[in-house]
Amino acid sequence: MLYSRLSRVAGRTECELIDRRPSTRTSPRGSCGVCPIATDHAGSPCRVPVPTVGMNVVLPLLTAIVFSASWCDRARVDTARAHPIAGTWLVHDPNAPFPTHLCVFNRDGTMQQANPDAGDPRTSDSDRKGVWSARSRDVEARWVALMADRATHQYSGRLEVTMQISVTGDSLAASEVATLFDATRAPVPAPATPKPLRGARITLP
């Protein structure tokens, strides 16, 4: 450890650094009359501890470790509390022009749904974006899709679907109600959706 040695040279006090282990023998006051710290036996130079940079490194490191452990614990708790709808699902919707869909329910309450739009010869529709909310073990979801006319390539309206979903393990069942709006935002007759949806969770092998 580094210590400061005070000595009087040519009528003045100078400090020089020495690398020496401190002695265990001490006197009430430094031999120089200046240092307030006990020193060695008479005649030995005063040894004043000089702070090192060690604690400046160790303390932030320990703090980072504590916060990291706390964050990991919180992440594990959040995972345990995640609703069973969270995940990616392969869904069969017999009411849609193209019945096979992919649905993703994010833990933050947002969702995405996608399927090839080639099932509808007249309109092209976007991916569906929406939200969901837990109702006990069941889920209420609502998503929106934008549509374009395939012939004119112009915006033709939007489709909104509200779903009631129940989850059992890696399976889901749902009902849906569709609402359709034209390019002027006026409601128009929507397709009937009487048949239930079925889905299976996509999991790792």
Protein backbone atom coordinates (compact mmCIF):
# COMPACT_ATOMS: atom_id res chain seq x y z
CA MET A 1 0.00 0.00 0.00
CA LEU A 2 1.15 3.53 -0.71
CA TYR A 3 1.90 5.84 2.20
CA SER A 4 3.00 9.42 2.41
CA ARG A 5 6.22 10.15 4.29
CA LEU A 6 6.66 13.61 5.62
CA SER A 7 10.23 14.73 6.37
CA ARG A 8 11.84 18.05 6.90
CA VAL A 9 14.55 18.74 4.37
CA ALA A 10 16.48 22.06 4.30
CA GLY A 11 13.92 23.77 6.51
CA ARG A 12 10.91 22.73 4.46
CA THR A 13 8.45 19.80 4.50
CA GLU A 14 8.23 17.53 1.51
CA CYS A 15 6.04 14.49 0.83
CA GLU A 16 7.24 11.48 -0.99
CA LEU A 17 5.47 8.21 -1.77
CA ILE A 18 6.91 4.95 -0.55
CA ASP A 19 5.63 1.44 -1.05
CA ARG A 20 6.01 -0.09 2.38
CA ARG A 21 3.79 -2.09 4.75
CA PRO A 22 2.87 -0.03 7.85
CA SER A 23 4.36 -0.98 11.22
CA THR A 24 2.12 -2.13 14.03
CA ARG A 25 4.11 -0.13 16.63
CA THR A 26 2.68 3.35 17.07
CA SER A 27 3.21 6.49 19.15
CA PRO A 28 0.54 9.04 20.12
CA ARG A 29 1.55 11.50 17.42
CA GLY A 30 3.71 11.69 14.34
CA SER A 31 7.37 12.40 14.92
CA CYS A 32 7.22 15.34 12.56
CA GLY A 33 4.70 17.11 14.79
CA VAL A 34 2.45 17.61 11.79
CA CYS A 35 0.79 14.26 11.15
CA PRO A 36 -2.22 13.54 13.38
CA ILE A 37 -1.73 9.81 12.81
CA ALA A 38 0.29 7.60 15.12
CA THR A 39 3.70 6.58 13.81
CA ASP A 40 6.50 4.09 14.37
CA HIS A 41 9.01 4.24 17.18
CA ALA A 42 10.85 7.48 17.64
CA GLY A 43 12.84 8.65 14.67
CA SER A 44 10.79 6.79 12.09
CA PRO A 45 9.11 8.79 9.36
CA CYS A 46 5.38 9.55 9.58
CA ARG A 47 3.25 7.29 7.45
CA VAL A 48 -0.04 8.78 6.27
CA PRO A 49 -2.37 6.45 4.32
CA VAL A 50 -3.04 7.61 0.76
CA PRO A 51 -6.44 6.57 -0.69
CA THR A 52 -6.16 4.20 -3.60
CA VAL A 53 -8.47 3.77 -6.61
CA GLY A 54 -9.41 0.26 -5.55
CA MET A 55 -12.69 1.21 -3.85
CA ASN A 56 -13.59 3.49 -6.77
CA VAL A 57 -13.66 0.33 -8.89
CA VAL A 58 -15.03 -2.16 -6.38
CA LEU A 59 -18.03 -0.16 -5.15
CA PRO A 60 -19.56 0.48 -8.61
CA LEU A 61 -18.92 -3.15 -9.51
CA LEU A 62 -20.70 -4.41 -6.38
CA THR A 63 -23.58 -2.00 -7.04
CA ALA A 64 -23.91 -3.28 -10.62
CA ILE A 65 -23.97 -6.88 -9.41
CA VAL A 66 -26.70 -6.13 -6.85
CA PHE A 67 -28.89 -4.34 -9.40
CA SER A 68 -28.29 -7.07 -11.99
CA ALA A 69 -29.39 -9.76 -9.54
CA SER A 70 -32.45 -7.72 -8.62
CA TRP A 71 -33.40 -7.26 -12.30
CA CYS A 72 -33.01 -11.00 -12.99
CA ASP A 73 -35.24 -11.83 -10.03
CA ARG A 74 -37.87 -9.38 -11.26
CA ALA A 75 -37.70 -10.83 -14.79
CA ARG A 76 -38.27 -14.32 -13.40
CA VAL A 77 -41.28 -13.06 -11.43
CA ASP A 78 -42.70 -11.31 -14.51
CA THR A 79 -42.29 -14.48 -16.56
CA ALA A 80 -44.11 -16.50 -13.95
CA ARG A 81 -46.99 -14.02 -14.01
CA ALA A 82 -47.31 -13.86 -17.81
CA HIS A 83 -50.80 -14.67 -19.10
CA PRO A 84 -50.98 -18.00 -20.96
CA ILE A 85 -52.08 -16.20 -24.15
CA ALA A 86 -48.56 -14.72 -24.48
CA GLY A 87 -46.73 -16.41 -27.33
CA THR A 88 -47.08 -17.33 -31.00
CA TRP A 89 -50.06 -19.31 -32.30
CA LEU A 90 -51.08 -21.11 -35.46
CA VAL A 91 -54.79 -20.32 -35.80
CA HIS A 92 -57.46 -21.73 -38.09
CA ASP A 93 -60.20 -19.18 -38.90
CA PRO A 94 -62.91 -20.78 -41.05
CA ASN A 95 -64.62 -17.39 -41.47
CA ALA A 96 -61.67 -15.82 -43.35
CA PRO A 97 -60.97 -16.05 -47.12
CA PHE A 98 -57.60 -17.58 -46.26
CA PRO A 99 -58.20 -19.61 -43.09
CA THR A 100 -54.67 -20.28 -41.80
CA HIS A 101 -53.28 -17.44 -39.68
CA LEU A 102 -50.31 -16.67 -37.48
CA CYS A 103 -51.05 -14.71 -34.31
CA VAL A 104 -48.58 -13.25 -31.83
CA PHE A 105 -49.73 -12.04 -28.42
CA ASN A 106 -47.07 -9.97 -26.71
CA ARG A 107 -46.81 -9.73 -22.94
CA ASP A 108 -47.27 -5.94 -23.08
CA GLY A 109 -50.86 -6.28 -24.35
CA THR A 110 -50.19 -5.81 -28.06
CA MET A 111 -50.75 -8.38 -30.80
CA GLN A 112 -50.07 -9.08 -34.48
CA GLN A 113 -51.87 -11.35 -36.92
CA ALA A 114 -50.78 -12.26 -40.45
CA ASN A 115 -51.84 -14.53 -43.29
CA PRO A 116 -51.37 -14.56 -47.08
CA ASP A 117 -53.86 -12.17 -48.64
CA ALA A 118 -54.21 -14.18 -51.84
CA GLY A 119 -57.42 -15.71 -50.50
CA ASP A 120 -59.35 -12.54 -51.42
CA PRO A 121 -59.29 -11.83 -55.18
CA ARG A 122 -60.62 -8.26 -54.86
CA THR A 123 -58.80 -6.65 -51.95
CA SER A 124 -55.32 -6.75 -50.52
CA ASP A 125 -55.08 -6.33 -46.77
CA SER A 126 -52.26 -5.49 -44.39
CA ASP A 127 -51.04 -7.41 -41.38
CA ARG A 128 -53.36 -7.02 -38.44
CA LYS A 129 -52.21 -4.95 -35.48
CA GLY A 130 -54.09 -4.84 -32.23
CA VAL A 131 -54.33 -5.08 -28.47
CA TRP A 132 -55.51 -7.63 -25.95
CA SER A 133 -56.55 -7.62 -22.32
CA ALA A 134 -56.95 -10.44 -19.82
CA ARG A 135 -60.39 -11.14 -18.38
CA SER A 136 -59.46 -13.62 -15.67
CA ARG A 137 -58.19 -16.64 -17.67
CA ASP A 138 -59.92 -15.47 -20.86
CA VAL A 139 -58.82 -12.72 -23.23
CA GLU A 140 -60.54 -9.97 -25.19
CA ALA A 141 -58.64 -8.84 -28.27
CA ARG A 142 -59.20 -6.29 -31.03
CA TRP A 143 -57.17 -5.86 -34.20
CA VAL A 144 -57.31 -3.63 -37.29
CA ALA A 145 -56.30 -4.31 -40.92
CA LEU A 146 -56.04 -1.80 -43.76
CA MET A 147 -57.29 -2.77 -47.22
CA ALA A 148 -56.50 -1.73 -50.79
CA ASP A 149 -58.31 -2.43 -54.07
CA ARG A 150 -56.24 -4.80 -56.19
CA ALA A 151 -57.37 -3.18 -59.47
CA THR A 152 -56.94 0.50 -58.59
CA HIS A 153 -54.27 0.08 -55.89
CA GLN A 154 -56.15 2.63 -53.80
CA TYR A 155 -57.11 2.52 -50.15
CA SER A 156 -60.51 0.88 -49.84
CA GLY A 157 -61.18 0.80 -46.11
CA ARG A 158 -60.37 -1.08 -42.95
CA LEU A 159 -61.48 -4.21 -41.16
CA GLU A 160 -61.79 -4.39 -37.37
CA VAL A 161 -62.26 -7.66 -35.53
CA THR A 162 -63.08 -8.20 -31.86
CA MET A 163 -62.27 -11.61 -30.41
CA GLN A 164 -63.15 -13.50 -27.24
CA ILE A 165 -60.42 -16.07 -26.57
CA SER A 166 -60.02 -18.86 -24.05
CA VAL A 167 -56.71 -20.63 -23.51
CA THR A 168 -56.18 -24.17 -22.24
CA GLY A 169 -52.54 -25.15 -22.09
CA ASP A 170 -51.18 -24.91 -25.64
CA SER A 171 -54.62 -24.68 -27.28
CA LEU A 172 -57.02 -21.80 -27.77
CA ALA A 173 -60.59 -21.36 -28.90
CA ALA A 174 -62.13 -18.07 -29.96
CA SER A 175 -65.16 -16.33 -31.37
CA GLU A 176 -65.03 -13.13 -33.41
CA VAL A 177 -67.15 -10.25 -34.63
CA ALA A 178 -66.07 -8.24 -37.71
CA THR A 179 -66.77 -4.57 -38.46
CA LEU A 180 -66.02 -3.09 -41.90
CA PHE A 181 -65.48 0.55 -42.94
CA ASP A 182 -65.05 1.98 -46.43
CA ALA A 183 -62.47 4.53 -47.57
CA THR A 184 -64.60 7.38 -46.19
CA ARG A 185 -64.74 5.71 -42.74
CA ALA A 186 -68.42 4.92 -43.14
CA PRO A 187 -69.53 1.50 -41.82
CA VAL A 188 -70.51 -1.04 -44.45
CA PRO A 189 -71.91 -4.59 -44.17
CA ALA A 190 -69.27 -6.91 -42.75
CA PRO A 191 -68.87 -10.63 -43.45
CA ALA A 192 -70.57 -12.99 -41.03
CA THR A 193 -68.28 -14.82 -38.60
CA PRO A 194 -70.38 -17.58 -37.02
CA LYS A 195 -67.76 -20.31 -36.82
CA PRO A 196 -65.32 -20.70 -33.89
CA LEU A 197 -61.57 -20.36 -34.31
CA ARG A 198 -59.06 -22.94 -33.09
CA GLY A 199 -55.39 -22.49 -32.46
CA ALA A 200 -52.25 -24.27 -31.27
CA ARG A 201 -49.24 -22.68 -29.61
CA ILE A 202 -45.97 -22.78 -31.54
CA THR A 203 -43.29 -24.24 -29.27
CA LEU A 204 -39.69 -25.35 -29.50
CA PRO A 205 -39.08 -29.01 -30.40
